[in-house]
Amino acid sequence: MASESQESTAEVSRRAVLRGAAVSGVALPLLAACGGSSDSSSSASGGSADDPSAGSGGSTGATLPAGDVPVGGGTVVKADKIVVTQPTKGDFKAFTAVCTHQGCLVNEIKDGQIHCPCHGSVYSIKDGSVLGGPAPSPLAEKKVSVSGNKISVT
């Protein structure tokens, strides 16, 4: 009977291991689709970033030339996880670039809208409010200051 008990325990352990491997085989590719590496490239109006995803959070701020932010559009600064927009000439806004739905980075500013590639959330370049998609809340606004031709975001 003792060998039957040991065999039964070994079988359960083997099953648990195989089940875990099967679940990992399905879950890991799905998680990888929502994750990715970040780099320091940025995306201007009409462009798109190579890496649309990142975790939540971000750095404390960034400085960039005002000329990098087109009127009616914006720029995604991936390294700092911020998006800087210029809805009208001389009116600069900044928001976190981390989508409020599942933490992907927004990657495109087009037609007065900030787009998240992961699940289709869309935000306004004027105030970061949700215009469409599954995002539950607006992009968090950042403080913007302009000095000469430099924009600083904190």
C-alpha atoms as a PDB file:
ATOM      1  CA  MET A   1       0.000   0.000   0.000  1.00  0.00           C
ATOM      2  CA  ALA A   2       2.894   2.361   0.768  1.00  0.00           C
ATOM      3  CA  SER A   3       4.204   2.135  -2.801  1.00  0.00           C
ATOM      4  CA  GLU A   4       0.667   2.835  -4.118  1.00  0.00           C
ATOM      5  CA  SER A   5       0.513   5.983  -1.948  1.00  0.00           C
ATOM      6  CA  GLN A   6       3.928   7.169  -3.171  1.00  0.00           C
ATOM      7  CA  GLU A   7       2.954   6.485  -6.782  1.00  0.00           C
ATOM      8  CA  SER A   8      -0.297   8.428  -6.361  1.00  0.00           C
ATOM      9  CA  THR A   9       1.552  11.419  -4.860  1.00  0.00           C
ATOM     10  CA  ALA A  10       4.134  11.360  -7.652  1.00  0.00           C
ATOM     11  CA  GLU A  11       1.357  11.259 -10.245  1.00  0.00           C
ATOM     12  CA  VAL A  12      -0.405  14.279  -8.723  1.00  0.00           C
ATOM     13  CA  SER A  13       2.865  16.206  -8.654  1.00  0.00           C
ATOM     14  CA  ARG A  14       3.562  15.301 -12.251  1.00  0.00           C
ATOM     15  CA  ARG A  15       0.070  16.448 -13.243  1.00  0.00           C
ATOM     16  CA  ALA A  16       0.468  19.704 -11.361  1.00  0.00           C
ATOM     17  CA  VAL A  17       3.783  20.355 -13.074  1.00  0.00           C
ATOM     18  CA  LEU A  18       2.357  19.574 -16.510  1.00  0.00           C
ATOM     19  CA  ARG A  19      -0.707  21.724 -15.852  1.00  0.00           C
ATOM     20  CA  GLY A  20       1.521  24.597 -14.758  1.00  0.00           C
ATOM     21  CA  ALA A  21       3.655  24.225 -17.870  1.00  0.00           C
ATOM     22  CA  ALA A  22       0.565  24.242 -20.083  1.00  0.00           C
ATOM     23  CA  VAL A  23      -0.843  27.346 -18.404  1.00  0.00           C
ATOM     24  CA  SER A  24       2.545  29.088 -18.659  1.00  0.00           C
ATOM     25  CA  GLY A  25       2.729  28.184 -22.320  1.00  0.00           C
ATOM     26  CA  VAL A  26      -0.532  30.032 -22.909  1.00  0.00           C
ATOM     27  CA  ALA A  27      -0.123  32.867 -20.396  1.00  0.00           C
ATOM     28  CA  LEU A  28       3.435  33.926 -21.166  1.00  0.00           C
ATOM     29  CA  PRO A  29       2.822  34.823 -24.835  1.00  0.00           C
ATOM     30  CA  LEU A  30      -0.282  36.780 -23.802  1.00  0.00           C
ATOM     31  CA  LEU A  31       1.667  38.665 -21.157  1.00  0.00           C
ATOM     32  CA  ALA A  32       4.468  39.324 -23.623  1.00  0.00           C
ATOM     33  CA  ALA A  33       1.945  40.918 -25.983  1.00  0.00           C
ATOM     34  CA  CYS A  34       1.092  43.431 -23.259  1.00  0.00           C
ATOM     35  CA  GLY A  35       4.704  44.107 -22.268  1.00  0.00           C
ATOM     36  CA  GLY A  36       7.866  45.159 -24.019  1.00  0.00           C
ATOM     37  CA  SER A  37      11.064  47.049 -23.764  1.00  0.00           C
ATOM     38  CA  SER A  38      11.251  50.803 -23.731  1.00  0.00           C
ATOM     39  CA  ASP A  39      13.629  53.016 -25.589  1.00  0.00           C
ATOM     40  CA  SER A  40      14.180  56.735 -25.908  1.00  0.00           C
ATOM     41  CA  SER A  41      12.524  57.311 -29.276  1.00  0.00           C
ATOM     42  CA  SER A  42       9.569  59.624 -29.616  1.00  0.00           C
ATOM     43  CA  SER A  43       6.634  59.952 -31.937  1.00  0.00           C
ATOM     44  CA  ALA A  44       5.449  63.179 -33.521  1.00  0.00           C
ATOM     45  CA  SER A  45       2.010  63.909 -34.929  1.00  0.00           C
ATOM     46  CA  GLY A  46       1.097  61.377 -37.574  1.00  0.00           C
ATOM     47  CA  GLY A  47       3.861  58.976 -36.545  1.00  0.00           C
ATOM     48  CA  SER A  48       3.829  55.851 -34.479  1.00  0.00           C
ATOM     49  CA  ALA A  49       6.218  54.432 -31.929  1.00  0.00           C
ATOM     50  CA  ASP A  50       7.909  51.066 -32.407  1.00  0.00           C
ATOM     51  CA  ASP A  51       7.228  49.962 -28.834  1.00  0.00           C
ATOM     52  CA  PRO A  52       3.676  50.716 -27.781  1.00  0.00           C
ATOM     53  CA  SER A  53       3.777  49.118 -24.386  1.00  0.00           C
ATOM     54  CA  ALA A  54       5.286  49.761 -21.036  1.00  0.00           C
ATOM     55  CA  GLY A  55       4.461  49.510 -17.387  1.00  0.00           C
ATOM     56  CA  SER A  56       2.856  52.204 -15.349  1.00  0.00           C
ATOM     57  CA  GLY A  57       4.818  54.979 -13.783  1.00  0.00           C
ATOM     58  CA  GLY A  58       7.333  57.192 -15.490  1.00  0.00           C
ATOM     59  CA  SER A  59      10.113  59.592 -14.748  1.00  0.00           C
ATOM     60  CA  THR A  60       9.791  62.965 -13.089  1.00  0.00           C
ATOM     61  CA  GLY A  61       9.873  64.999 -16.285  1.00  0.00           C
ATOM     62  CA  ALA A  62      11.496  66.006 -19.531  1.00  0.00           C
ATOM     63  CA  THR A  63      12.740  68.971 -21.518  1.00  0.00           C
ATOM     64  CA  LEU A  64      12.310  69.250 -25.265  1.00  0.00           C
ATOM     65  CA  PRO A  65      12.383  71.901 -27.997  1.00  0.00           C
ATOM     66  CA  ALA A  66       9.011  73.560 -28.653  1.00  0.00           C
ATOM     67  CA  GLY A  67       9.580  72.885 -32.357  1.00  0.00           C
ATOM     68  CA  ASP A  68       9.265  69.140 -31.666  1.00  0.00           C
ATOM     69  CA  VAL A  69       5.575  69.566 -30.797  1.00  0.00           C
ATOM     70  CA  PRO A  70       3.447  70.368 -33.862  1.00  0.00           C
ATOM     71  CA  VAL A  71       0.387  72.628 -33.617  1.00  0.00           C
ATOM     72  CA  GLY A  72      -2.734  70.450 -33.500  1.00  0.00           C
ATOM     73  CA  GLY A  73      -0.619  67.415 -32.644  1.00  0.00           C
ATOM     74  CA  GLY A  74       1.969  66.268 -30.199  1.00  0.00           C
ATOM     75  CA  THR A  75       4.965  64.142 -29.366  1.00  0.00           C
ATOM     76  CA  VAL A  76       5.285  61.000 -27.266  1.00  0.00           C
ATOM     77  CA  VAL A  77       8.493  60.969 -25.209  1.00  0.00           C
ATOM     78  CA  LYS A  78       8.704  57.251 -24.524  1.00  0.00           C
ATOM     79  CA  ALA A  79      11.771  57.386 -22.291  1.00  0.00           C
ATOM     80  CA  ASP A  80       9.923  59.689 -19.889  1.00  0.00           C
ATOM     81  CA  LYS A  81       6.464  58.157 -20.461  1.00  0.00           C
ATOM     82  CA  ILE A  82       4.886  61.508 -21.288  1.00  0.00           C
ATOM     83  CA  VAL A  83       2.981  62.966 -24.202  1.00  0.00           C
ATOM     84  CA  VAL A  84       3.289  66.685 -24.965  1.00  0.00           C
ATOM     85  CA  THR A  85       0.626  68.308 -27.136  1.00  0.00           C
ATOM     86  CA  GLN A  86      -0.022  71.724 -28.679  1.00  0.00           C
ATOM     87  CA  PRO A  87      -3.779  71.945 -29.323  1.00  0.00           C
ATOM     88  CA  THR A  88      -3.466  75.568 -30.509  1.00  0.00           C
ATOM     89  CA  LYS A  89      -0.392  77.628 -31.327  1.00  0.00           C
ATOM     90  CA  GLY A  90       1.615  78.357 -28.173  1.00  0.00           C
ATOM     91  CA  ASP A  91      -0.705  76.348 -25.879  1.00  0.00           C
ATOM     92  CA  PHE A  92       1.286  73.335 -24.640  1.00  0.00           C
ATOM     93  CA  LYS A  93      -0.197  70.503 -22.590  1.00  0.00           C
ATOM     94  CA  ALA A  94       1.435  67.391 -21.145  1.00  0.00           C
ATOM     95  CA  PHE A  95       0.047  64.128 -19.838  1.00  0.00           C
ATOM     96  CA  THR A  96       1.294  60.748 -18.779  1.00  0.00           C
ATOM     97  CA  ALA A  97       1.706  58.538 -21.846  1.00  0.00           C
ATOM     98  CA  VAL A  98       0.560  55.511 -19.838  1.00  0.00           C
ATOM     99  CA  CYS A  99      -2.923  54.438 -20.935  1.00  0.00           C
ATOM    100  CA  THR A 100      -5.377  54.235 -18.052  1.00  0.00           C
ATOM    101  CA  HIS A 101      -6.844  50.996 -19.398  1.00  0.00           C
ATOM    102  CA  GLN A 102      -3.973  48.524 -18.998  1.00  0.00           C
ATOM    103  CA  GLY A 103      -0.792  50.559 -18.826  1.00  0.00           C
ATOM    104  CA  CYS A 104       0.388  50.476 -22.446  1.00  0.00           C
ATOM    105  CA  LEU A 105       2.121  53.559 -23.794  1.00  0.00           C
ATOM    106  CA  VAL A 106       0.154  55.711 -26.183  1.00  0.00           C
ATOM    107  CA  ASN A 107       1.981  55.837 -29.478  1.00  0.00           C
ATOM    108  CA  GLU A 108       0.320  58.214 -31.904  1.00  0.00           C
ATOM    109  CA  ILE A 109      -1.180  61.689 -32.036  1.00  0.00           C
ATOM    110  CA  LYS A 110      -3.470  62.123 -35.033  1.00  0.00           C
ATOM    111  CA  ASP A 111      -6.449  64.358 -35.842  1.00  0.00           C
ATOM    112  CA  GLY A 112      -6.424  66.022 -32.414  1.00  0.00           C
ATOM    113  CA  GLN A 113      -6.402  62.683 -30.624  1.00  0.00           C
ATOM    114  CA  ILE A 114      -3.908  60.616 -28.631  1.00  0.00           C
ATOM    115  CA  HIS A 115      -4.125  56.923 -29.523  1.00  0.00           C
ATOM    116  CA  CYS A 116      -3.236  53.802 -27.552  1.00  0.00           C
ATOM    117  CA  PRO A 117      -2.409  50.850 -29.814  1.00  0.00           C
ATOM    118  CA  CYS A 118      -3.192  48.074 -27.344  1.00  0.00           C
ATOM    119  CA  HIS A 119      -6.980  48.188 -27.081  1.00  0.00           C
ATOM    120  CA  GLY A 120      -8.018  51.320 -28.978  1.00  0.00           C
ATOM    121  CA  SER A 121      -8.356  53.916 -26.234  1.00  0.00           C
ATOM    122  CA  VAL A 122      -8.415  57.489 -27.562  1.00  0.00           C
ATOM    123  CA  TYR A 123      -7.760  60.695 -25.603  1.00  0.00           C
ATOM    124  CA  SER A 124      -8.098  64.427 -26.339  1.00  0.00           C
ATOM    125  CA  ILE A 125      -4.931  66.451 -26.969  1.00  0.00           C
ATOM    126  CA  LYS A 126      -6.632  69.394 -25.205  1.00  0.00           C
ATOM    127  CA  ASP A 127      -7.200  67.898 -21.771  1.00  0.00           C
ATOM    128  CA  GLY A 128      -6.368  64.170 -21.873  1.00  0.00           C
ATOM    129  CA  SER A 129     -10.038  63.227 -21.525  1.00  0.00           C
ATOM    130  CA  VAL A 130     -11.252  59.877 -22.841  1.00  0.00           C
ATOM    131  CA  LEU A 131     -12.790  60.142 -26.315  1.00  0.00           C
ATOM    132  CA  GLY A 132     -13.225  56.426 -26.941  1.00  0.00           C
ATOM    133  CA  GLY A 133     -12.179  52.892 -26.156  1.00  0.00           C
ATOM    134  CA  PRO A 134     -12.002  51.010 -22.882  1.00  0.00           C
ATOM    135  CA  ALA A 135      -9.973  53.583 -20.914  1.00  0.00           C
ATOM    136  CA  PRO A 136     -11.741  54.228 -17.582  1.00  0.00           C
ATOM    137  CA  SER A 137     -10.245  57.668 -16.896  1.00  0.00           C
ATOM    138  CA  PRO A 138      -8.326  60.524 -18.554  1.00  0.00           C
ATOM    139  CA  LEU A 139      -4.563  60.703 -18.883  1.00  0.00           C
ATOM    140  CA  ALA A 140      -3.035  62.381 -15.820  1.00  0.00           C
ATOM    141  CA  GLU A 141      -2.005  65.948 -16.575  1.00  0.00           C
ATOM    142  CA  LYS A 142       1.591  67.045 -16.029  1.00  0.00           C
ATOM    143  CA  LYS A 143       2.885  70.537 -15.299  1.00  0.00           C
ATOM    144  CA  VAL A 144       4.262  72.348 -18.359  1.00  0.00           C
ATOM    145  CA  SER A 145       6.493  75.411 -18.401  1.00  0.00           C
ATOM    146  CA  VAL A 146       7.855  77.146 -21.477  1.00  0.00           C
ATOM    147  CA  SER A 147      11.030  79.184 -21.418  1.00  0.00           C
ATOM    148  CA  GLY A 148      12.124  80.569 -24.760  1.00  0.00           C
ATOM    149  CA  ASN A 149      12.053  77.647 -27.167  1.00  0.00           C
ATOM    150  CA  LYS A 150      12.235  74.934 -24.457  1.00  0.00           C
ATOM    151  CA  ILE A 151       9.338  73.029 -22.926  1.00  0.00           C
ATOM    152  CA  SER A 152       9.834  71.516 -19.477  1.00  0.00           C
ATOM    153  CA  VAL A 153       7.437  68.923 -18.110  1.00  0.00           C
ATOM    154  CA  THR A 154       7.241  67.851 -14.466  1.00  0.00           C
END
